[in-house]
Amino acid sequence: MKRIVSLFFAALLGTVAWAQVSYDVIPLPRSVELDAKGEVYVLTQGAVVTYDGRNEVLASNAALLVDFLREDAGFELKAQPDVKKGAAVELKIKNEKLKVKGENAEAYRLTVNRTGITIEGATEEAVFRGIETLRKAIGITGGERIELPCVIIQDEPRFAYRGVHFDTARHYFPVDFIKQFIDVMALHGCNQFHWHLTEDQGWRFEVKSMPELARKGSVRKQTVIGPNSSGLYDGQPYGGYYTQQECREVVAYAARRFINVIPEIDLPGHMLGALNVYPELGCTGGPYDVWPHWGVSRDVLCAGNPKTLEFLKRVYDELCDVFPSKYIHIGGDESPRDRWKACPKCQAKMKELGLTREAELQTYINREMDKHLSEKGRTLIGWDETLEGGLSENGIVMSWRGMKGGIEAARQHHRVIMTPTNFCYIDYYQLKDDRSQPQAIGGYLPLSKVYSMEPVPSELSEEEAKYIWGPQVNLWTEYVKYPEHAMYMLLPRLDAISEVQWMQADRKDYEAFKARLPRMLMLYDKLGYRYCRKME
């Protein structure tokens, strides 16, 4: 029955034959050259996937390919190293330059001919990208044999940074779902998982030197029902946090899929989870409650208290010990300065530093943390507010309040991640009729709007445009409580952003994209992923 429903839905969208292999995948590869004679290679159950046995990463890739086809299509292959003859699929690193533009570390070539399938890449990561393309081409096709049209696919991504942000602070999500979220990212060629770990509504990262920070700071007494204006609360304590071991587990899981995990501990605002445990770090001394509702609190870390920087450095030392990412996100958004204006310690610090505006206190904190992270070999990422007052040369700007901040940052030769609300905030509604879908924070961001995004503003010169590192979608979770809801908000808008991230702008075509989408939706059905079944 499930398959019949899927086929009916596919027919509404412009169907493709689900039982046939198709290279019209998402994101679409740069070049797909089908054999002019229409020849095919027949893949049979139990066929061998081979690789260089000295390469442990290729061995992992081979095992993943076997797992993917078993899960998607019920098709069994077996991984075996160093098979010289008779292997159906060969994974290999090609040292000579691949026939792709530039020297992209993710460039790969997927070849299907009468004798077998070869996936060769500039790196193991590139080979993995080719594996995902083969996986999607086969889709849910099963049976005893699979006929693959002979083809040469040559491919590479447009942007080096292809990110997805997930807020697990407003609502906690179990580790198993975080892994599933990462699986979906890998399926779409994404490579940066921005993990939002702390908020006014809960501190979700274990700091072993301060155990109460997560134990107590992760729990709010209750949660608002509906919008803040409702005045209604559920009366139920809500909490949960990730141990350092769990975080390491997620990092390892993501790394096997060539996804880097960028942790975010927001500062100096969005800190009620911490202030609840350490009220002396606030300007008023508290007491502070972990917030049961949404919005922006006026209570932030006291910039004039020397213990504030001591606290932050301890937290980030442990964060860096757990997360090997070269990039660490410090937040920096939505930090009111009301408390600083009335705080004797903050005013004294301004006088000591010769500052004239409270906003400069945030710049002072940013620069201190930037220096601390640099000493640990890490690079700071911050929301575009961190641009105010100046960033270090290596600082990276995440432009969310439109593209203006990103344009300014690129002109100052900072790397930029484009994630403006009007294209990239997937906590917004997907459909105009908000009654026909789960509750969202508001706004309207249909699939077509996500697909239309161009991350490189026309205002930038060719040289300035090189600083646009890539685009990212953000899933905030004030109104997203459960894994099924999170997946619904993500899909199929992730399909749209994946083509923005991967394909050259002149190759994008929304109508062609819609025609390719049904194959992905059928795969989602097979994998049990919830998604929005309408497109606007």
Protein backbone atom coordinates (compact mmCIF):
# COMPACT_ATOMS: atom_id res chain seq x y z
CA MET A 1 0.00 0.00 0.00
CA LYS A 2 2.86 2.37 0.88
CA ARG A 3 4.43 1.88 -2.55
CA ILE A 4 1.10 2.50 -4.31
CA VAL A 5 0.70 5.79 -2.43
CA SER A 6 4.24 6.78 -3.32
CA LEU A 7 3.69 6.02 -7.00
CA PHE A 8 0.47 8.02 -6.99
CA PHE A 9 2.23 10.98 -5.41
CA ALA A 10 5.07 10.66 -7.88
CA ALA A 11 2.57 10.78 -10.72
CA LEU A 12 1.27 14.09 -9.42
CA LEU A 13 4.79 15.52 -9.49
CA GLY A 14 5.88 14.18 -12.85
CA THR A 15 6.83 10.57 -12.37
CA VAL A 16 9.93 8.58 -13.22
CA ALA A 17 10.00 4.79 -13.27
CA TRP A 18 10.91 3.75 -9.77
CA ALA A 19 12.09 0.29 -10.83
CA GLN A 20 14.75 1.59 -13.22
CA VAL A 21 18.17 3.01 -12.54
CA SER A 22 18.39 6.74 -13.28
CA TYR A 23 21.30 9.14 -13.01
CA ASP A 24 18.89 12.07 -12.64
CA VAL A 25 19.78 12.34 -8.97
CA ILE A 26 19.79 15.22 -6.48
CA PRO A 27 22.05 17.12 -6.49
CA LEU A 28 22.55 16.65 -10.24
CA PRO A 29 26.15 15.82 -11.22
CA ARG A 30 28.12 18.24 -13.37
CA SER A 31 28.43 15.91 -16.35
CA VAL A 32 26.48 12.74 -17.22
CA GLU A 33 27.47 11.05 -20.51
CA LEU A 34 25.32 8.03 -21.28
CA ASP A 35 26.62 5.37 -23.62
CA ALA A 36 25.43 6.15 -27.14
CA LYS A 37 24.71 2.47 -27.86
CA GLY A 38 22.51 2.05 -24.80
CA GLU A 39 24.61 -0.74 -23.34
CA VAL A 40 24.13 -1.80 -19.73
CA TYR A 41 26.02 -3.51 -16.92
CA VAL A 42 24.13 -6.10 -14.89
CA LEU A 43 24.79 -6.00 -11.15
CA THR A 44 23.87 -9.27 -9.42
CA GLN A 45 23.20 -10.24 -5.84
CA GLY A 46 26.37 -11.13 -3.94
CA ALA A 47 28.68 -9.23 -6.29
CA VAL A 48 31.98 -7.90 -4.92
CA VAL A 49 32.95 -4.32 -4.06
CA THR A 50 36.75 -4.09 -4.02
CA TYR A 51 39.33 -1.52 -2.92
CA ASP A 52 42.97 -1.13 -1.91
CA GLY A 53 43.26 -3.18 1.27
CA ARG A 54 45.95 -0.85 2.62
CA ASN A 55 43.46 2.02 2.73
CA GLU A 56 41.24 1.81 5.83
CA VAL A 57 39.09 4.74 4.73
CA LEU A 58 38.28 3.11 1.40
CA ALA A 59 37.43 -0.05 3.36
CA SER A 60 34.95 2.02 5.37
CA ASN A 61 33.53 3.48 2.16
CA ALA A 62 33.04 0.01 0.71
CA ALA A 63 31.25 -1.16 3.84
CA LEU A 64 28.94 1.86 3.69
CA LEU A 65 28.08 1.16 0.05
CA VAL A 66 27.15 -2.39 1.02
CA ASP A 67 25.00 -1.07 3.89
CA PHE A 68 23.30 1.55 1.71
CA LEU A 69 22.19 -0.89 -1.00
CA ARG A 70 21.01 -3.43 1.57
CA GLU A 71 18.90 -0.80 3.34
CA ASP A 72 17.60 1.02 0.25
CA ALA A 73 17.07 -1.78 -2.23
CA GLY A 74 17.39 -5.01 -0.27
CA PHE A 75 20.35 -5.77 -2.51
CA GLU A 76 23.32 -7.67 -1.08
CA LEU A 77 26.90 -6.93 -2.12
CA LYS A 78 30.05 -7.94 -0.29
CA ALA A 79 33.16 -5.87 0.33
CA GLN A 80 36.49 -7.59 -0.35
CA PRO A 81 39.92 -5.95 -0.69
CA ASP A 82 42.41 -6.33 -3.54
CA VAL A 83 40.27 -8.36 -5.95
CA LYS A 84 42.06 -8.28 -9.31
CA LYS A 85 39.38 -9.81 -11.52
CA GLY A 86 35.65 -10.23 -11.37
CA ALA A 87 34.74 -7.41 -8.96
CA ALA A 88 31.53 -5.62 -9.83
CA VAL A 89 32.47 -2.31 -8.19
CA GLU A 90 35.98 -0.89 -7.73
CA LEU A 91 36.73 2.05 -5.44
CA LYS A 92 40.04 3.78 -5.99
CA ILE A 93 42.04 6.95 -5.53
CA LYS A 94 43.18 8.39 -8.82
CA ASN A 95 46.40 10.30 -8.35
CA GLU A 96 46.48 11.94 -11.75
CA LYS A 97 44.31 14.98 -12.23
CA LEU A 98 40.69 14.10 -12.91
CA LYS A 99 39.01 15.71 -15.89
CA VAL A 100 37.15 18.26 -13.82
CA LYS A 101 37.47 21.98 -13.43
CA GLY A 102 40.28 22.96 -11.09
CA GLU A 103 41.75 20.61 -8.49
CA ASN A 104 38.80 19.97 -6.22
CA ALA A 105 39.45 17.48 -3.43
CA GLU A 106 35.89 16.19 -3.84
CA ALA A 107 36.10 15.62 -7.59
CA TYR A 108 35.13 12.11 -8.62
CA ARG A 109 34.40 10.05 -11.72
CA LEU A 110 31.78 7.30 -11.77
CA THR A 111 32.12 4.95 -14.73
CA VAL A 112 29.76 2.14 -15.67
CA ASN A 113 30.80 -0.02 -18.62
CA ARG A 114 30.17 -3.59 -19.76
CA THR A 115 32.74 -4.99 -17.34
CA GLY A 116 31.74 -3.19 -14.14
CA ILE A 117 31.50 -0.03 -12.09
CA THR A 118 34.43 2.17 -11.08
CA ILE A 119 34.30 5.07 -8.64
CA GLU A 120 37.54 6.99 -8.58
CA GLY A 121 38.23 10.22 -6.79
CA ALA A 122 40.91 12.70 -5.92
CA THR A 123 40.45 11.69 -2.25
CA GLU A 124 38.56 9.13 -0.18
CA GLU A 125 35.97 11.84 0.43
CA ALA A 126 35.51 12.24 -3.32
CA VAL A 127 34.99 8.49 -3.67
CA PHE A 128 32.30 8.68 -0.98
CA ARG A 129 30.48 11.41 -2.95
CA GLY A 130 30.51 9.07 -5.94
CA ILE A 131 29.14 6.24 -3.79
CA GLU A 132 26.19 8.41 -2.77
CA THR A 133 25.52 9.21 -6.43
CA LEU A 134 25.52 5.50 -7.33
CA ARG A 135 23.27 4.80 -4.36
CA LYS A 136 20.72 7.40 -5.45
CA ALA A 137 20.88 6.25 -9.08
CA ILE A 138 19.92 2.73 -7.99
CA GLY A 139 17.35 4.05 -5.51
CA ILE A 140 14.89 1.45 -4.26
CA THR A 141 15.43 -0.81 -7.29
CA GLY A 142 15.74 -4.39 -6.04
CA GLY A 143 15.40 -7.94 -7.28
CA GLU A 144 18.09 -10.43 -8.22
CA ARG A 145 19.75 -8.15 -10.77
CA ILE A 146 20.02 -4.45 -11.45
CA GLU A 147 20.66 -3.14 -14.96
CA LEU A 148 22.75 0.02 -14.94
CA PRO A 149 23.05 2.01 -18.18
CA CYS A 150 26.69 2.50 -19.14
CA VAL A 151 27.76 6.03 -18.28
CA ILE A 152 30.61 8.35 -17.41
CA ILE A 153 29.76 10.82 -14.62
CA GLN A 154 32.26 13.53 -13.76
CA ASP A 155 31.39 15.70 -10.83
CA GLU A 156 32.54 18.16 -8.19
CA PRO A 157 30.77 20.62 -5.85
CA ARG A 158 30.57 24.34 -6.45
CA PHE A 159 31.06 25.35 -2.81
CA ALA A 160 33.55 23.93 -0.31
CA TYR A 161 31.19 24.67 2.61
CA ARG A 162 27.78 22.99 2.41
CA GLY A 163 26.18 23.32 5.79
CA VAL A 164 23.10 22.38 7.80
CA HIS A 165 22.42 23.84 11.25
CA PHE A 166 20.37 22.03 13.90
CA ASP A 167 19.23 23.59 17.17
CA THR A 168 19.11 20.93 19.90
CA ALA A 169 18.99 23.48 22.73
CA ARG A 170 15.37 24.70 22.53
CA HIS A 171 14.37 21.04 22.28
CA TYR A 172 16.60 18.04 22.95
CA PHE A 173 16.88 15.32 20.30
CA PRO A 174 18.29 11.85 20.99
CA VAL A 175 21.69 10.81 19.66
CA ASP A 176 20.15 8.20 17.36
CA PHE A 177 18.20 10.94 15.60
CA ILE A 178 21.28 13.16 15.37
CA LYS A 179 22.92 10.28 13.48
CA GLN A 180 19.91 9.94 11.20
CA PHE A 181 20.05 13.70 10.57
CA ILE A 182 23.71 13.28 9.55
CA ASP A 183 22.77 10.38 7.24
CA VAL A 184 20.31 12.64 5.44
CA MET A 185 22.97 15.32 5.10
CA ALA A 186 25.42 12.83 3.58
CA LEU A 187 22.77 11.66 1.12
CA HIS A 188 22.60 15.24 -0.18
CA GLY A 189 26.34 15.95 -0.37
CA CYS A 190 26.40 18.26 2.66
CA ASN A 191 29.67 18.35 4.61
CA GLN A 192 29.27 20.68 7.64
CA PHE A 193 26.97 19.93 10.58
CA HIS A 194 26.53 23.08 12.68
CA TRP A 195 25.41 21.78 16.08
CA HIS A 196 23.71 24.40 18.27
CA LEU A 197 24.20 23.20 21.86
CA THR A 198 23.27 25.97 24.33
CA GLU A 199 20.47 28.45 24.80
CA ASP A 200 18.40 30.42 27.31
CA GLN A 201 16.12 27.37 27.29
CA GLY A 202 18.79 24.78 28.11
CA TRP A 203 22.51 23.96 28.26
CA ARG A 204 23.06 20.66 26.41
CA PHE A 205 26.87 20.11 26.49
CA GLU A 206 28.54 18.29 29.37
CA VAL A 207 31.46 20.23 30.90
CA LYS A 208 33.20 17.76 33.18
CA SER A 209 34.98 20.39 35.28
CA MET A 210 31.57 22.00 35.97
CA PRO A 211 29.15 19.05 36.13
CA GLU A 212 26.17 21.11 37.38
CA LEU A 213 26.28 23.20 34.22
CA ALA A 214 24.61 20.46 32.19
CA ARG A 215 22.84 18.63 35.00
CA LYS A 216 21.04 21.72 36.25
CA GLY A 217 21.38 24.16 33.34
CA SER A 218 19.75 21.74 30.89
CA VAL A 219 16.44 21.63 32.77
CA ARG A 220 13.63 24.16 32.52
CA LYS A 221 10.68 23.93 34.90
CA GLN A 222 8.07 23.99 32.15
CA THR A 223 7.53 25.00 28.53
CA VAL A 224 5.16 27.52 26.97
CA ILE A 225 2.26 26.04 25.02
CA GLY A 226 1.96 27.64 21.61
CA PRO A 227 3.25 31.20 21.11
CA ASN A 228 4.71 33.20 23.99
CA SER A 229 1.62 35.38 24.02
CA SER A 230 -0.56 32.42 25.01
CA GLY A 231 0.49 32.67 28.66
CA LEU A 232 -0.09 28.91 28.93
CA TYR A 233 2.55 26.45 30.17
CA ASP A 234 2.58 22.66 30.35
CA GLY A 235 3.84 22.47 33.95
CA GLN A 236 6.27 19.67 33.02
CA PRO A 237 10.06 19.83 33.65
CA TYR A 238 12.02 19.47 30.41
CA GLY A 239 15.69 18.60 30.04
CA GLY A 240 18.41 16.48 28.53
CA TYR A 241 22.03 16.98 27.53
CA TYR A 242 24.78 15.28 25.55
CA THR A 243 27.66 13.68 27.40
CA GLN A 244 31.13 14.19 26.02
CA GLN A 245 31.22 10.53 25.07
CA GLU A 246 27.98 10.92 23.10
CA CYS A 247 29.40 13.98 21.34
CA ARG A 248 32.53 12.04 20.40
CA GLU A 249 30.30 9.26 19.09
CA VAL A 250 28.45 11.74 16.87
CA VAL A 251 31.75 13.24 15.65
CA ALA A 252 33.07 9.79 14.68
CA TYR A 253 29.79 8.85 12.98
CA ALA A 254 29.81 12.07 10.96
CA ALA A 255 33.50 11.80 10.07
CA ARG A 256 32.95 8.38 8.51
CA ARG A 257 30.48 10.15 6.21
CA PHE A 258 32.91 13.03 5.59
CA ILE A 259 30.87 15.53 7.57
CA ASN A 260 32.61 17.92 9.95
CA VAL A 261 30.78 18.78 13.19
CA ILE A 262 30.99 22.46 14.13
CA PRO A 263 29.83 22.97 17.73
CA GLU A 264 28.26 26.23 18.86
CA ILE A 265 28.29 27.58 22.40
CA ASP A 266 26.53 30.95 22.09
CA LEU A 267 28.04 33.99 23.84
CA PRO A 268 27.61 36.44 25.51
CA GLY A 269 23.82 36.24 25.12
CA HIS A 270 21.47 33.24 25.09
CA MET A 271 23.18 32.18 28.33
CA LEU A 272 20.39 31.68 30.89
CA GLY A 273 21.18 27.97 30.99
CA ALA A 274 24.61 28.88 32.38
CA LEU A 275 23.47 31.83 34.51
CA ASN A 276 20.98 29.58 36.25
CA VAL A 277 23.94 27.58 37.59
CA TYR A 278 26.43 30.43 37.98
CA PRO A 279 24.38 33.58 38.75
CA GLU A 280 27.54 35.49 39.71
CA LEU A 281 28.40 35.62 35.98
CA GLY A 282 25.40 37.88 35.30
CA CYS A 283 25.27 41.62 35.82
CA THR A 284 22.48 41.51 38.42
CA GLY A 285 23.58 38.41 40.32
CA GLY A 286 20.28 36.68 39.67
CA PRO A 287 18.58 34.48 40.50
CA TYR A 288 18.06 33.32 36.91
CA ASP A 289 15.69 30.65 35.63
CA VAL A 290 16.25 28.53 32.55
CA TRP A 291 13.67 30.16 30.32
CA PRO A 292 10.37 28.29 29.79
CA HIS A 293 9.48 30.39 26.74
CA TRP A 294 11.09 31.78 23.59
CA GLY A 295 12.62 35.09 22.65
CA VAL A 296 15.70 37.10 23.60
CA SER A 297 16.58 37.63 27.25
CA ARG A 298 18.11 40.90 28.46
CA ASP A 299 20.24 38.90 30.89
CA VAL A 300 23.62 38.06 29.38
CA LEU A 301 27.11 37.31 30.67
CA CYS A 302 28.70 40.20 32.56
CA ALA A 303 31.43 41.62 30.34
CA GLY A 304 33.10 43.38 33.26
CA ASN A 305 33.48 40.33 35.47
CA PRO A 306 36.91 38.67 35.00
CA LYS A 307 35.33 35.34 35.94
CA THR A 308 33.30 35.49 32.71
CA LEU A 309 36.29 34.95 30.46
CA GLU A 310 37.67 32.33 32.85
CA PHE A 311 34.36 30.47 32.58
CA LEU A 312 34.22 30.73 28.80
CA LYS A 313 37.79 29.53 28.34
CA ARG A 314 37.16 26.49 30.54
CA VAL A 315 34.05 25.65 28.56
CA TYR A 316 35.73 26.08 25.19
CA ASP A 317 38.81 24.11 26.29
CA GLU A 318 36.61 21.09 26.91
CA LEU A 319 34.61 21.78 23.75
CA CYS A 320 37.81 21.76 21.69
CA ASP A 321 38.94 18.58 23.39
CA VAL A 322 35.75 16.81 22.32
CA PHE A 323 35.27 18.34 18.85
CA PRO A 324 38.30 18.16 16.52
CA SER A 325 36.75 20.64 14.07
CA LYS A 326 39.10 23.39 12.99
CA TYR A 327 36.08 25.69 13.16
CA ILE A 328 34.32 26.61 16.41
CA HIS A 329 31.13 28.72 16.48
CA ILE A 330 30.83 31.33 19.24
CA GLY A 331 27.35 32.58 18.33
CA GLY A 332 27.37 36.30 19.08
CA ASP A 333 23.84 37.09 17.91
CA GLU A 334 20.97 38.78 19.72
CA SER A 335 22.89 39.98 22.78
CA PRO A 336 21.20 43.03 24.31
CA ARG A 337 23.41 45.54 26.14
CA ASP A 338 20.78 46.86 28.59
CA ARG A 339 22.36 45.17 31.60
CA TRP A 340 25.84 46.37 30.64
CA LYS A 341 24.67 49.99 30.63
CA ALA A 342 23.54 49.72 34.27
CA CYS A 343 26.32 47.42 35.49
CA PRO A 344 29.18 49.05 37.51
CA LYS A 345 31.58 46.25 36.54
CA CYS A 346 30.86 46.65 32.83
CA GLN A 347 31.16 50.42 32.99
CA ALA A 348 34.46 50.09 34.84
CA LYS A 349 35.74 47.69 32.17
CA MET A 350 34.76 50.17 29.46
CA LYS A 351 36.70 52.90 31.24
CA GLU A 352 39.70 50.60 31.67
CA LEU A 353 39.72 49.71 27.97
CA GLY A 354 38.92 53.23 26.75
CA LEU A 355 35.62 52.18 25.17
CA THR A 356 32.77 54.57 24.44
CA ARG A 357 29.94 52.18 23.51
CA GLU A 358 28.62 49.06 25.22
CA ALA A 359 28.69 47.27 21.87
CA GLU A 360 32.46 47.43 22.06
CA LEU A 361 32.37 45.20 25.14
CA GLN A 362 31.10 42.38 22.95
CA THR A 363 33.95 43.01 20.54
CA TYR A 364 36.34 42.79 23.49
CA ILE A 365 34.92 39.37 24.49
CA ASN A 366 34.95 38.17 20.88
CA ARG A 367 38.59 39.11 20.44
CA GLU A 368 39.63 37.46 23.70
CA MET A 369 37.90 34.24 22.65
CA ASP A 370 39.28 34.52 19.13
CA LYS A 371 42.80 34.75 20.56
CA HIS A 372 42.17 31.79 22.88
CA LEU A 373 40.81 29.63 20.07
CA SER A 374 43.64 30.65 17.72
CA GLU A 375 46.17 29.49 20.30
CA LYS A 376 44.48 26.08 20.12
CA GLY A 377 44.68 26.03 16.32
CA ARG A 378 40.98 26.76 15.86
CA THR A 379 39.16 29.35 13.76
CA LEU A 380 36.22 31.36 15.08
CA ILE A 381 32.85 31.49 13.32
CA GLY A 382 30.23 33.98 14.47
CA TRP A 383 26.84 35.28 13.38
CA ASP A 384 27.07 38.53 11.45
CA GLU A 385 26.78 40.66 14.62
CA THR A 386 30.39 39.65 15.35
CA LEU A 387 31.43 41.78 12.39
CA GLU A 388 30.51 44.89 14.37
CA GLY A 389 33.69 46.28 15.88
CA GLY A 390 35.96 44.16 13.73
CA LEU A 391 37.07 40.55 13.55
CA SER A 392 40.51 38.99 13.37
CA GLU A 393 41.84 38.26 9.90
CA ASN A 394 40.85 34.59 10.08
CA GLY A 395 37.38 35.11 11.58
CA ILE A 396 34.47 33.69 9.57
CA VAL A 397 31.09 35.42 9.31
CA MET A 398 27.75 33.63 9.14
CA SER A 399 25.38 36.11 7.48
CA TRP A 400 21.81 35.57 8.69
CA ARG A 401 20.21 39.04 8.73
CA GLY A 402 20.00 39.08 4.95
CA MET A 403 23.13 39.16 2.81
CA LYS A 404 24.34 42.61 3.78
CA GLY A 405 26.63 41.34 6.52
CA GLY A 406 28.09 38.76 4.18
CA ILE A 407 28.77 41.36 1.51
CA GLU A 408 30.55 43.59 4.02
CA ALA A 409 32.56 40.65 5.37
CA ALA A 410 33.61 39.51 1.90
CA ARG A 411 34.78 43.03 1.08
CA GLN A 412 36.88 42.89 4.24
CA HIS A 413 38.27 39.54 3.02
CA HIS A 414 36.58 37.38 5.64
CA ARG A 415 35.23 34.03 4.60
CA VAL A 416 31.43 34.08 4.55
CA ILE A 417 28.73 31.47 5.07
CA MET A 418 25.49 32.70 3.55
CA THR A 419 22.41 31.76 5.55
CA PRO A 420 19.89 34.62 5.24
CA THR A 421 16.50 34.13 6.87
CA ASN A 422 14.52 34.67 3.67
CA PHE A 423 16.18 31.71 1.93
CA CYS A 424 17.64 29.50 4.63
CA TYR A 425 15.47 29.45 7.78
CA ILE A 426 13.67 26.15 7.47
CA ASP A 427 11.84 26.60 10.77
CA TYR A 428 9.46 28.72 8.64
CA TYR A 429 6.30 27.25 7.11
CA GLN A 430 6.69 25.45 3.78
CA LEU A 431 3.10 26.01 2.67
CA LYS A 432 0.90 29.11 2.62
CA ASP A 433 -1.86 27.29 4.47
CA ASP A 434 -0.29 26.98 7.92
CA ARG A 435 -3.28 24.94 9.13
CA SER A 436 -2.29 22.06 6.86
CA GLN A 437 1.14 21.53 8.42
CA PRO A 438 2.79 21.21 11.83
CA GLN A 439 3.29 24.36 13.87
CA ALA A 440 6.23 26.55 12.90
CA ILE A 441 7.70 29.79 14.22
CA GLY A 442 6.02 31.76 11.44
CA GLY A 443 7.21 33.07 8.10
CA TYR A 444 6.86 31.34 4.74
CA LEU A 445 9.73 29.63 2.93
CA PRO A 446 8.53 27.33 0.15
CA LEU A 447 10.71 24.86 -1.70
CA SER A 448 10.86 27.11 -4.76
CA LYS A 449 12.24 30.02 -2.75
CA VAL A 450 15.02 27.89 -1.25
CA TYR A 451 15.93 26.66 -4.73
CA SER A 452 16.10 30.20 -6.11
CA MET A 453 18.87 31.26 -3.72
CA GLU A 454 22.10 32.58 -5.24
CA PRO A 455 24.74 32.68 -2.47
CA VAL A 456 27.14 34.98 -4.32
CA PRO A 457 25.70 38.53 -4.43
CA SER A 458 26.06 40.36 -7.74
CA GLU A 459 27.41 43.40 -5.83
CA LEU A 460 30.69 41.59 -5.21
CA SER A 461 33.65 41.77 -7.52
CA GLU A 462 35.16 38.55 -8.87
CA GLU A 463 37.91 38.72 -6.25
CA GLU A 464 35.45 39.46 -3.40
CA ALA A 465 33.17 36.62 -4.51
CA LYS A 466 35.93 34.12 -3.72
CA TYR A 467 35.29 34.75 -0.02
CA ILE A 468 31.77 33.28 -0.19
CA TRP A 469 32.55 29.91 1.34
CA GLY A 470 29.10 28.44 0.84
CA PRO A 471 25.41 28.40 1.92
CA GLN A 472 23.73 26.79 4.92
CA VAL A 473 20.13 26.12 6.00
CA ASN A 474 19.18 26.52 9.67
CA LEU A 475 16.63 24.48 11.59
CA TRP A 476 15.70 26.22 14.85
CA THR A 477 13.46 24.25 17.17
CA GLU A 478 11.31 26.50 19.34
CA TYR A 479 8.27 24.81 17.80
CA VAL A 480 9.94 21.60 16.64
CA LYS A 481 9.71 19.08 19.46
CA TYR A 482 10.10 15.65 17.90
CA PRO A 483 12.32 13.88 15.32
CA GLU A 484 9.42 13.38 12.90
CA HIS A 485 8.67 17.10 12.95
CA ALA A 486 12.34 18.00 12.45
CA MET A 487 12.57 15.71 9.42
CA TYR A 488 9.37 17.20 8.00
CA MET A 489 10.86 20.70 8.23
CA LEU A 490 14.10 19.51 6.63
CA LEU A 491 12.70 17.57 3.67
CA PRO A 492 12.45 18.23 0.82
CA ARG A 493 13.91 21.71 1.36
CA LEU A 494 17.30 20.08 1.91
CA ASP A 495 17.03 18.75 -1.64
CA ALA A 496 16.66 22.30 -2.89
CA ILE A 497 19.57 23.74 -0.91
CA SER A 498 21.76 20.79 -1.90
CA GLU A 499 21.54 21.87 -5.53
CA VAL A 500 22.31 25.45 -4.51
CA GLN A 501 25.35 24.16 -2.63
CA TRP A 502 26.56 21.70 -5.25
CA MET A 503 25.63 22.92 -8.74
CA GLN A 504 26.86 25.87 -10.75
CA ALA A 505 24.21 28.60 -10.87
CA ASP A 506 23.71 28.44 -14.65
CA ARG A 507 22.84 24.72 -14.46
CA LYS A 508 20.02 25.03 -11.95
CA ASP A 509 16.50 24.51 -13.30
CA TYR A 510 13.58 24.35 -10.90
CA GLU A 511 11.22 22.52 -13.24
CA ALA A 512 13.86 19.89 -13.97
CA PHE A 513 14.54 19.63 -10.24
CA LYS A 514 10.86 18.94 -9.55
CA ALA A 515 10.90 16.19 -12.17
CA ARG A 516 13.85 14.53 -10.39
CA LEU A 517 12.44 14.88 -6.88
CA PRO A 518 9.96 11.92 -6.89
CA ARG A 519 12.81 9.39 -6.90
CA MET A 520 14.17 10.93 -3.72
CA LEU A 521 10.74 10.95 -2.10
CA MET A 522 10.34 7.26 -2.80
CA LEU A 523 13.67 6.63 -1.12
CA TYR A 524 12.46 8.66 1.88
CA ASP A 525 9.38 6.44 2.03
CA LYS A 526 11.55 3.34 2.01
CA LEU A 527 13.79 4.73 4.77
CA GLY A 528 10.83 5.91 6.85
CA TYR A 529 11.62 9.62 6.66
CA ARG A 530 8.74 12.03 7.13
CA TYR A 531 8.62 14.91 4.63
CA CYS A 532 6.36 17.62 3.26
CA ARG A 533 4.34 16.08 0.42
CA LYS A 534 3.40 19.32 -1.30
CA MET A 535 5.53 21.76 -3.23
CA GLU A 536 5.04 25.50 -3.54
